[in-house]
Amino acid sequence: MHLVYPAVLSALLFCTGLYGVLARRNAILVLMSVELMLNAVNLNLVAFDVWLSRAAADTLHSGQALTLFTITIAAAEIGIGLAIVLAVYRNRGTSDIDRLRDAAEHPDDDFDDGPDGEAAATARAAGKAEATA
């Protein structure tokens, strides 16, 4: 098998993961996209290791060893990342990255999902403005 096939597949997987990181708003889907990107790197490492081992008689299979380390790091990353996302979801009630970023910029605002969410936020802002005046 030629080196081109796994390299193209790896590039497609990496681009799909990159699109998922940049376009998704859900933190769990972003973590899944990062895992997809790491798997694309693993595929590249193994493909190049096999391709280079054909040229040399004594090989160390360093690409495959590095892939094992990458898989271990990916497992730890997904475990810790998922724990953080679940803790944030329990505290804030959402895992939407944009809403979490807005909450970090405006810590006084609550997550109002009701029909009068904007009206309640406007009333709170008006009350704060009256209190400071």
N, C-alpha and C. Protein backbone atom coordinates (compact mmCIF):
# COMPACT_ATOMS: atom_id res chain seq x y z
N MET A 1 0.85 -1.18 0.00
CA MET A 1 0.00 0.00 0.00
C MET A 1 0.90 1.24 0.00
N HIS A 2 0.49 2.22 -0.74
CA HIS A 2 1.26 3.45 -0.83
C HIS A 2 1.06 4.31 0.40
N LEU A 3 1.99 5.19 0.63
CA LEU A 3 1.91 6.12 1.76
C LEU A 3 0.83 7.17 1.55
N VAL A 4 0.43 7.37 0.32
CA VAL A 4 -0.52 8.43 0.00
C VAL A 4 -1.89 8.15 0.62
N TYR A 5 -2.33 6.91 0.63
CA TYR A 5 -3.67 6.59 1.11
C TYR A 5 -3.86 6.93 2.59
N PRO A 6 -3.00 6.45 3.49
CA PRO A 6 -3.20 6.84 4.89
C PRO A 6 -2.94 8.32 5.13
N ALA A 7 -2.06 8.94 4.34
CA ALA A 7 -1.79 10.36 4.52
C ALA A 7 -3.00 11.20 4.13
N VAL A 8 -3.66 10.84 3.05
CA VAL A 8 -4.87 11.57 2.63
C VAL A 8 -6.00 11.34 3.63
N LEU A 9 -6.17 10.10 4.08
CA LEU A 9 -7.19 9.81 5.09
C LEU A 9 -6.90 10.58 6.38
N SER A 10 -5.66 10.64 6.77
CA SER A 10 -5.28 11.38 7.97
C SER A 10 -5.56 12.87 7.81
N ALA A 11 -5.27 13.40 6.65
CA ALA A 11 -5.54 14.82 6.39
C ALA A 11 -7.04 15.11 6.44
N LEU A 12 -7.85 14.20 5.88
CA LEU A 12 -9.31 14.38 5.93
C LEU A 12 -9.83 14.31 7.36
N LEU A 13 -9.32 13.35 8.13
CA LEU A 13 -9.74 13.25 9.53
C LEU A 13 -9.34 14.48 10.32
N PHE A 14 -8.14 14.97 10.09
CA PHE A 14 -7.66 16.14 10.81
C PHE A 14 -8.48 17.38 10.44
N CYS A 15 -8.78 17.54 9.15
CA CYS A 15 -9.59 18.69 8.73
C CYS A 15 -11.01 18.61 9.28
N THR A 16 -11.56 17.41 9.34
CA THR A 16 -12.88 17.24 9.94
C THR A 16 -12.87 17.59 11.43
N GLY A 17 -11.84 17.16 12.13
CA GLY A 17 -11.70 17.51 13.54
C GLY A 17 -11.48 18.99 13.74
N LEU A 18 -10.70 19.61 12.88
CA LEU A 18 -10.47 21.05 12.98
C LEU A 18 -11.75 21.83 12.74
N TYR A 19 -12.55 21.40 11.76
CA TYR A 19 -13.84 22.02 11.53
C TYR A 19 -14.74 21.87 12.75
N GLY A 20 -14.71 20.70 13.37
CA GLY A 20 -15.53 20.48 14.56
C GLY A 20 -15.11 21.36 15.72
N VAL A 21 -13.81 21.59 15.88
CA VAL A 21 -13.34 22.46 16.96
C VAL A 21 -13.75 23.90 16.70
N LEU A 22 -13.65 24.34 15.46
CA LEU A 22 -13.93 25.74 15.15
C LEU A 22 -15.41 26.05 15.02
N ALA A 23 -16.23 25.09 14.60
CA ALA A 23 -17.62 25.38 14.30
C ALA A 23 -18.60 24.97 15.39
N ARG A 24 -18.26 24.03 16.22
CA ARG A 24 -19.20 23.53 17.21
C ARG A 24 -19.27 24.43 18.43
N ARG A 25 -20.42 24.43 19.06
CA ARG A 25 -20.63 25.23 20.26
C ARG A 25 -20.72 24.37 21.52
N ASN A 26 -20.95 23.09 21.36
CA ASN A 26 -21.07 22.20 22.50
C ASN A 26 -19.68 21.71 22.90
N ALA A 27 -19.37 21.80 24.18
CA ALA A 27 -18.03 21.46 24.65
C ALA A 27 -17.72 19.98 24.45
N ILE A 28 -18.70 19.11 24.57
CA ILE A 28 -18.46 17.68 24.38
C ILE A 28 -18.13 17.38 22.92
N LEU A 29 -18.80 18.05 21.99
CA LEU A 29 -18.48 17.85 20.58
C LEU A 29 -17.09 18.41 20.24
N VAL A 30 -16.68 19.46 20.92
CA VAL A 30 -15.33 19.99 20.71
C VAL A 30 -14.30 18.97 21.20
N LEU A 31 -14.56 18.34 22.34
CA LEU A 31 -13.65 17.30 22.84
C LEU A 31 -13.58 16.12 21.88
N MET A 32 -14.71 15.74 21.31
CA MET A 32 -14.72 14.64 20.34
C MET A 32 -13.93 15.03 19.09
N SER A 33 -14.00 16.28 18.69
CA SER A 33 -13.25 16.74 17.53
C SER A 33 -11.76 16.74 17.80
N VAL A 34 -11.37 17.09 19.01
CA VAL A 34 -9.95 17.03 19.38
C VAL A 34 -9.47 15.59 19.34
N GLU A 35 -10.28 14.66 19.79
CA GLU A 35 -9.93 13.24 19.72
C GLU A 35 -9.77 12.78 18.27
N LEU A 36 -10.63 13.28 17.40
CA LEU A 36 -10.51 12.94 15.99
C LEU A 36 -9.20 13.46 15.40
N MET A 37 -8.80 14.64 15.81
CA MET A 37 -7.53 15.19 15.34
C MET A 37 -6.35 14.37 15.87
N LEU A 38 -6.43 13.95 17.13
CA LEU A 38 -5.36 13.12 17.68
C LEU A 38 -5.28 11.76 16.98
N ASN A 39 -6.42 11.20 16.62
CA ASN A 39 -6.41 9.94 15.88
C ASN A 39 -5.83 10.10 14.48
N ALA A 40 -6.04 11.25 13.87
CA ALA A 40 -5.42 11.52 12.57
C ALA A 40 -3.90 11.57 12.71
N VAL A 41 -3.42 12.18 13.77
CA VAL A 41 -1.98 12.22 14.02
C VAL A 41 -1.44 10.82 14.26
N ASN A 42 -2.18 10.01 15.01
CA ASN A 42 -1.76 8.63 15.27
C ASN A 42 -1.66 7.83 13.97
N LEU A 43 -2.64 8.01 13.10
CA LEU A 43 -2.60 7.31 11.81
C LEU A 43 -1.38 7.73 11.00
N ASN A 44 -1.06 9.00 11.02
CA ASN A 44 0.13 9.48 10.32
C ASN A 44 1.41 8.90 10.92
N LEU A 45 1.49 8.85 12.24
CA LEU A 45 2.68 8.31 12.90
C LEU A 45 2.90 6.85 12.52
N VAL A 46 1.85 6.07 12.57
CA VAL A 46 1.99 4.64 12.24
C VAL A 46 2.29 4.45 10.76
N ALA A 47 1.63 5.22 9.89
CA ALA A 47 1.87 5.07 8.45
C ALA A 47 3.31 5.42 8.09
N PHE A 48 3.82 6.50 8.64
CA PHE A 48 5.19 6.87 8.33
C PHE A 48 6.19 5.91 8.97
N ASP A 49 5.84 5.37 10.14
CA ASP A 49 6.72 4.39 10.77
C ASP A 49 6.83 3.14 9.91
N VAL A 50 5.72 2.66 9.39
CA VAL A 50 5.75 1.47 8.52
C VAL A 50 6.49 1.78 7.23
N TRP A 51 6.27 2.97 6.68
CA TRP A 51 6.94 3.34 5.43
C TRP A 51 8.45 3.47 5.62
N LEU A 52 8.87 4.03 6.73
CA LEU A 52 10.30 4.18 6.98
C LEU A 52 10.95 2.86 7.40
N SER A 53 10.18 1.95 8.00
CA SER A 53 10.77 0.67 8.43
C SER A 53 11.09 -0.23 7.24
N ARG A 54 10.46 0.01 6.10
CA ARG A 54 10.78 -0.78 4.91
C ARG A 54 12.18 -0.45 4.39
N ALA A 55 12.61 0.79 4.65
CA ALA A 55 13.91 1.22 4.13
C ALA A 55 15.06 0.75 5.01
N ALA A 56 14.83 0.63 6.31
CA ALA A 56 15.91 0.26 7.23
C ALA A 56 15.71 -1.16 7.73
N ALA A 57 16.81 -1.84 7.92
CA ALA A 57 16.72 -3.22 8.41
C ALA A 57 16.45 -3.25 9.91
N ASP A 58 17.17 -2.43 10.65
CA ASP A 58 16.97 -2.36 12.10
C ASP A 58 16.09 -1.15 12.41
N THR A 59 14.88 -1.43 12.82
CA THR A 59 13.97 -0.32 13.11
C THR A 59 13.61 -0.33 14.58
N LEU A 60 13.33 0.85 15.08
CA LEU A 60 12.94 0.99 16.48
C LEU A 60 11.43 1.08 16.65
N HIS A 61 10.72 1.26 15.57
CA HIS A 61 9.27 1.46 15.60
C HIS A 61 8.91 2.61 16.54
N SER A 62 9.64 3.69 16.39
CA SER A 62 9.41 4.83 17.27
C SER A 62 8.08 5.51 16.99
N GLY A 63 7.58 5.43 15.76
CA GLY A 63 6.27 5.99 15.45
C GLY A 63 5.16 5.27 16.19
N GLN A 64 5.26 3.96 16.28
CA GLN A 64 4.24 3.19 16.99
C GLN A 64 4.34 3.40 18.50
N ALA A 65 5.56 3.54 19.01
CA ALA A 65 5.72 3.82 20.44
C ALA A 65 5.16 5.20 20.78
N LEU A 66 5.43 6.17 19.91
CA LEU A 66 4.89 7.51 20.13
C LEU A 66 3.37 7.51 20.03
N THR A 67 2.82 6.66 19.19
CA THR A 67 1.37 6.53 19.08
C THR A 67 0.77 6.02 20.39
N LEU A 68 1.45 5.07 21.04
CA LEU A 68 0.95 4.58 22.33
C LEU A 68 0.94 5.69 23.37
N PHE A 69 1.97 6.53 23.38
CA PHE A 69 1.98 7.67 24.30
C PHE A 69 0.85 8.65 23.97
N THR A 70 0.62 8.87 22.69
CA THR A 70 -0.45 9.78 22.29
C THR A 70 -1.82 9.24 22.69
N ILE A 71 -2.01 7.95 22.55
CA ILE A 71 -3.29 7.35 22.96
C ILE A 71 -3.48 7.48 24.47
N THR A 72 -2.41 7.30 25.23
CA THR A 72 -2.50 7.45 26.68
C THR A 72 -2.84 8.88 27.07
N ILE A 73 -2.19 9.83 26.43
CA ILE A 73 -2.47 11.24 26.71
C ILE A 73 -3.89 11.59 26.29
N ALA A 74 -4.35 11.06 25.17
CA ALA A 74 -5.72 11.32 24.71
C ALA A 74 -6.75 10.76 25.68
N ALA A 75 -6.48 9.60 26.24
CA ALA A 75 -7.40 9.02 27.21
C ALA A 75 -7.47 9.87 28.48
N ALA A 76 -6.33 10.34 28.94
CA ALA A 76 -6.32 11.22 30.11
C ALA A 76 -7.00 12.54 29.81
N GLU A 77 -6.77 13.06 28.62
CA GLU A 77 -7.38 14.34 28.23
C GLU A 77 -8.90 14.23 28.17
N ILE A 78 -9.40 13.16 27.61
CA ILE A 78 -10.85 13.03 27.51
C ILE A 78 -11.47 12.79 28.88
N GLY A 79 -10.78 12.08 29.75
CA GLY A 79 -11.31 11.86 31.09
C GLY A 79 -11.37 13.15 31.90
N ILE A 80 -10.29 13.90 31.91
CA ILE A 80 -10.27 15.17 32.66
C ILE A 80 -11.17 16.20 31.99
N GLY A 81 -11.12 16.27 30.66
CA GLY A 81 -11.97 17.23 29.95
C GLY A 81 -13.44 16.96 30.17
N LEU A 82 -13.85 15.72 30.13
CA LEU A 82 -15.25 15.38 30.35
C LEU A 82 -15.67 15.69 31.78
N ALA A 83 -14.78 15.46 32.74
CA ALA A 83 -15.09 15.79 34.13
C ALA A 83 -15.27 17.30 34.30
N ILE A 84 -14.43 18.08 33.65
CA ILE A 84 -14.56 19.54 33.72
C ILE A 84 -15.86 20.00 33.07
N VAL A 85 -16.18 19.45 31.90
CA VAL A 85 -17.41 19.83 31.21
C VAL A 85 -18.63 19.47 32.04
N LEU A 86 -18.63 18.30 32.67
CA LEU A 86 -19.77 17.91 33.50
C LEU A 86 -19.90 18.80 34.74
N ALA A 87 -18.78 19.19 35.33
CA ALA A 87 -18.83 20.09 36.48
C ALA A 87 -19.36 21.46 36.08
N VAL A 88 -18.93 21.96 34.93
CA VAL A 88 -19.44 23.25 34.45
C VAL A 88 -20.92 23.14 34.12
N TYR A 89 -21.34 22.03 33.53
CA TYR A 89 -22.76 21.84 33.21
C TYR A 89 -23.62 21.80 34.47
N ARG A 90 -23.12 21.15 35.50
CA ARG A 90 -23.88 21.10 36.76
C ARG A 90 -23.98 22.48 37.42
N ASN A 91 -22.93 23.28 37.32
CA ASN A 91 -22.94 24.60 37.95
C ASN A 91 -23.69 25.63 37.13
N ARG A 92 -23.53 25.61 35.82
CA ARG A 92 -24.09 26.65 34.96
C ARG A 92 -25.36 26.24 34.23
N GLY A 93 -25.58 24.95 34.07
CA GLY A 93 -26.78 24.48 33.39
C GLY A 93 -26.65 24.41 31.88
N THR A 94 -25.47 24.64 31.35
CA THR A 94 -25.28 24.56 29.91
C THR A 94 -23.83 24.17 29.62
N SER A 95 -23.63 23.58 28.44
CA SER A 95 -22.27 23.30 27.99
C SER A 95 -21.98 24.04 26.69
N ASP A 96 -22.80 25.05 26.39
CA ASP A 96 -22.62 25.87 25.21
C ASP A 96 -21.44 26.82 25.43
N ILE A 97 -20.44 26.74 24.58
CA ILE A 97 -19.21 27.49 24.79
C ILE A 97 -19.44 28.99 24.70
N ASP A 98 -20.28 29.43 23.77
CA ASP A 98 -20.54 30.87 23.64
C ASP A 98 -21.23 31.43 24.87
N ARG A 99 -22.18 30.70 25.41
CA ARG A 99 -22.88 31.19 26.61
C ARG A 99 -21.97 31.19 27.82
N LEU A 100 -21.05 30.23 27.90
CA LEU A 100 -20.10 30.22 29.00
C LEU A 100 -19.11 31.38 28.88
N ARG A 101 -18.71 31.70 27.65
CA ARG A 101 -17.81 32.83 27.44
C ARG A 101 -18.52 34.14 27.79
N ASP A 102 -19.80 34.28 27.40
CA ASP A 102 -20.55 35.48 27.74
C ASP A 102 -20.73 35.61 29.24
N ALA A 103 -20.93 34.47 29.92
CA ALA A 103 -21.08 34.50 31.37
C ALA A 103 -19.78 34.90 32.05
N ALA A 104 -18.65 34.54 31.47
CA ALA A 104 -17.37 34.93 32.04
C ALA A 104 -17.12 36.42 31.85
N GLU A 105 -17.61 36.98 30.75
CA GLU A 105 -17.44 38.41 30.50
C GLU A 105 -18.40 39.25 31.33
N HIS A 106 -19.59 38.72 31.61
CA HIS A 106 -20.60 39.42 32.39
C HIS A 106 -21.01 38.54 33.57
N PRO A 107 -20.24 38.50 34.65
CA PRO A 107 -20.51 37.55 35.73
C PRO A 107 -21.80 37.83 36.49
N ASP A 108 -22.38 39.02 36.38
CA ASP A 108 -23.60 39.33 37.12
C ASP A 108 -24.84 38.77 36.46
N ASP A 109 -24.76 38.47 35.16
CA ASP A 109 -25.93 37.96 34.45
C ASP A 109 -26.14 36.49 34.76
N ASP A 110 -27.40 36.10 34.88
CA ASP A 110 -27.75 34.70 35.10
C ASP A 110 -28.14 34.08 33.77
N PHE A 111 -28.24 32.77 33.76
CA PHE A 111 -28.71 32.08 32.58
C PHE A 111 -30.23 32.01 32.65
N ASP A 112 -30.90 32.92 31.97
CA ASP A 112 -32.36 32.94 31.95
C ASP A 112 -32.82 32.36 30.63
N ASP A 113 -33.40 31.18 30.68
CA ASP A 113 -33.87 30.54 29.47
C ASP A 113 -35.36 30.71 29.28
N GLY A 114 -36.01 31.37 30.20
CA GLY A 114 -37.45 31.54 30.12
C GLY A 114 -37.83 32.53 29.04
N PRO A 115 -39.16 32.69 28.81
CA PRO A 115 -39.61 33.61 27.76
C PRO A 115 -39.29 35.07 28.08
N ASP A 116 -39.14 35.40 29.37
CA ASP A 116 -38.85 36.78 29.75
C ASP A 116 -37.39 36.93 30.17
N GLY A 117 -36.51 36.12 29.61
CA GLY A 117 -35.10 36.14 29.99
C GLY A 117 -34.45 37.48 29.72
N GLU A 118 -34.68 38.05 28.53
CA GLU A 118 -34.08 39.34 28.21
C GLU A 118 -34.75 40.46 29.01
N ALA A 119 -36.05 40.36 29.22
CA ALA A 119 -36.74 41.38 29.99
C ALA A 119 -36.25 41.39 31.44
N ALA A 120 -36.03 40.22 32.01
CA ALA A 120 -35.54 40.14 33.38
C ALA A 120 -34.12 40.69 33.48
N ALA A 121 -33.30 40.39 32.49
CA ALA A 121 -31.93 40.92 32.50
C ALA A 121 -31.93 42.42 32.34
N THR A 122 -32.84 42.96 31.50
CA THR A 122 -32.94 44.41 31.32
C THR A 122 -33.43 45.07 32.60
N ALA A 123 -34.39 44.43 33.29
CA ALA A 123 -34.89 44.98 34.55
C ALA A 123 -33.80 44.97 35.61
N ARG A 124 -33.00 43.91 35.66
CA ARG A 124 -31.90 43.87 36.63
C ARG A 124 -30.88 44.96 36.34
N ALA A 125 -30.58 45.15 35.03
CA ALA A 125 -29.62 46.19 34.66
C ALA A 125 -30.15 47.57 35.01
N ALA A 126 -31.45 47.79 34.81
CA ALA A 126 -32.05 49.08 35.16
C ALA A 126 -32.03 49.28 36.67
N GLY A 127 -32.29 48.21 37.42
CA GLY A 127 -32.25 48.30 38.88
C GLY A 127 -30.85 48.61 39.39
N LYS A 128 -29.85 48.04 38.76
CA LYS A 128 -28.46 48.31 39.15
C LYS A 128 -28.09 49.75 38.82
N ALA A 129 -28.60 50.23 37.66
CA ALA A 129 -28.29 51.62 37.28
C ALA A 129 -28.94 52.59 38.26
N GLU A 130 -30.15 52.30 38.72
CA GLU A 130 -30.82 53.16 39.70
C GLU A 130 -30.12 53.11 41.05
N ALA A 131 -29.61 51.94 41.40
CA ALA A 131 -28.94 51.79 42.68
C ALA A 131 -27.63 52.57 42.70
N THR A 132 -26.95 52.66 41.58
CA THR A 132 -25.69 53.40 41.54
C THR A 132 -25.89 54.88 41.37
N ALA A 133 -27.07 55.31 40.89
CA ALA A 133 -27.32 56.76 40.66
C ALA A 133 -27.68 57.48 41.94
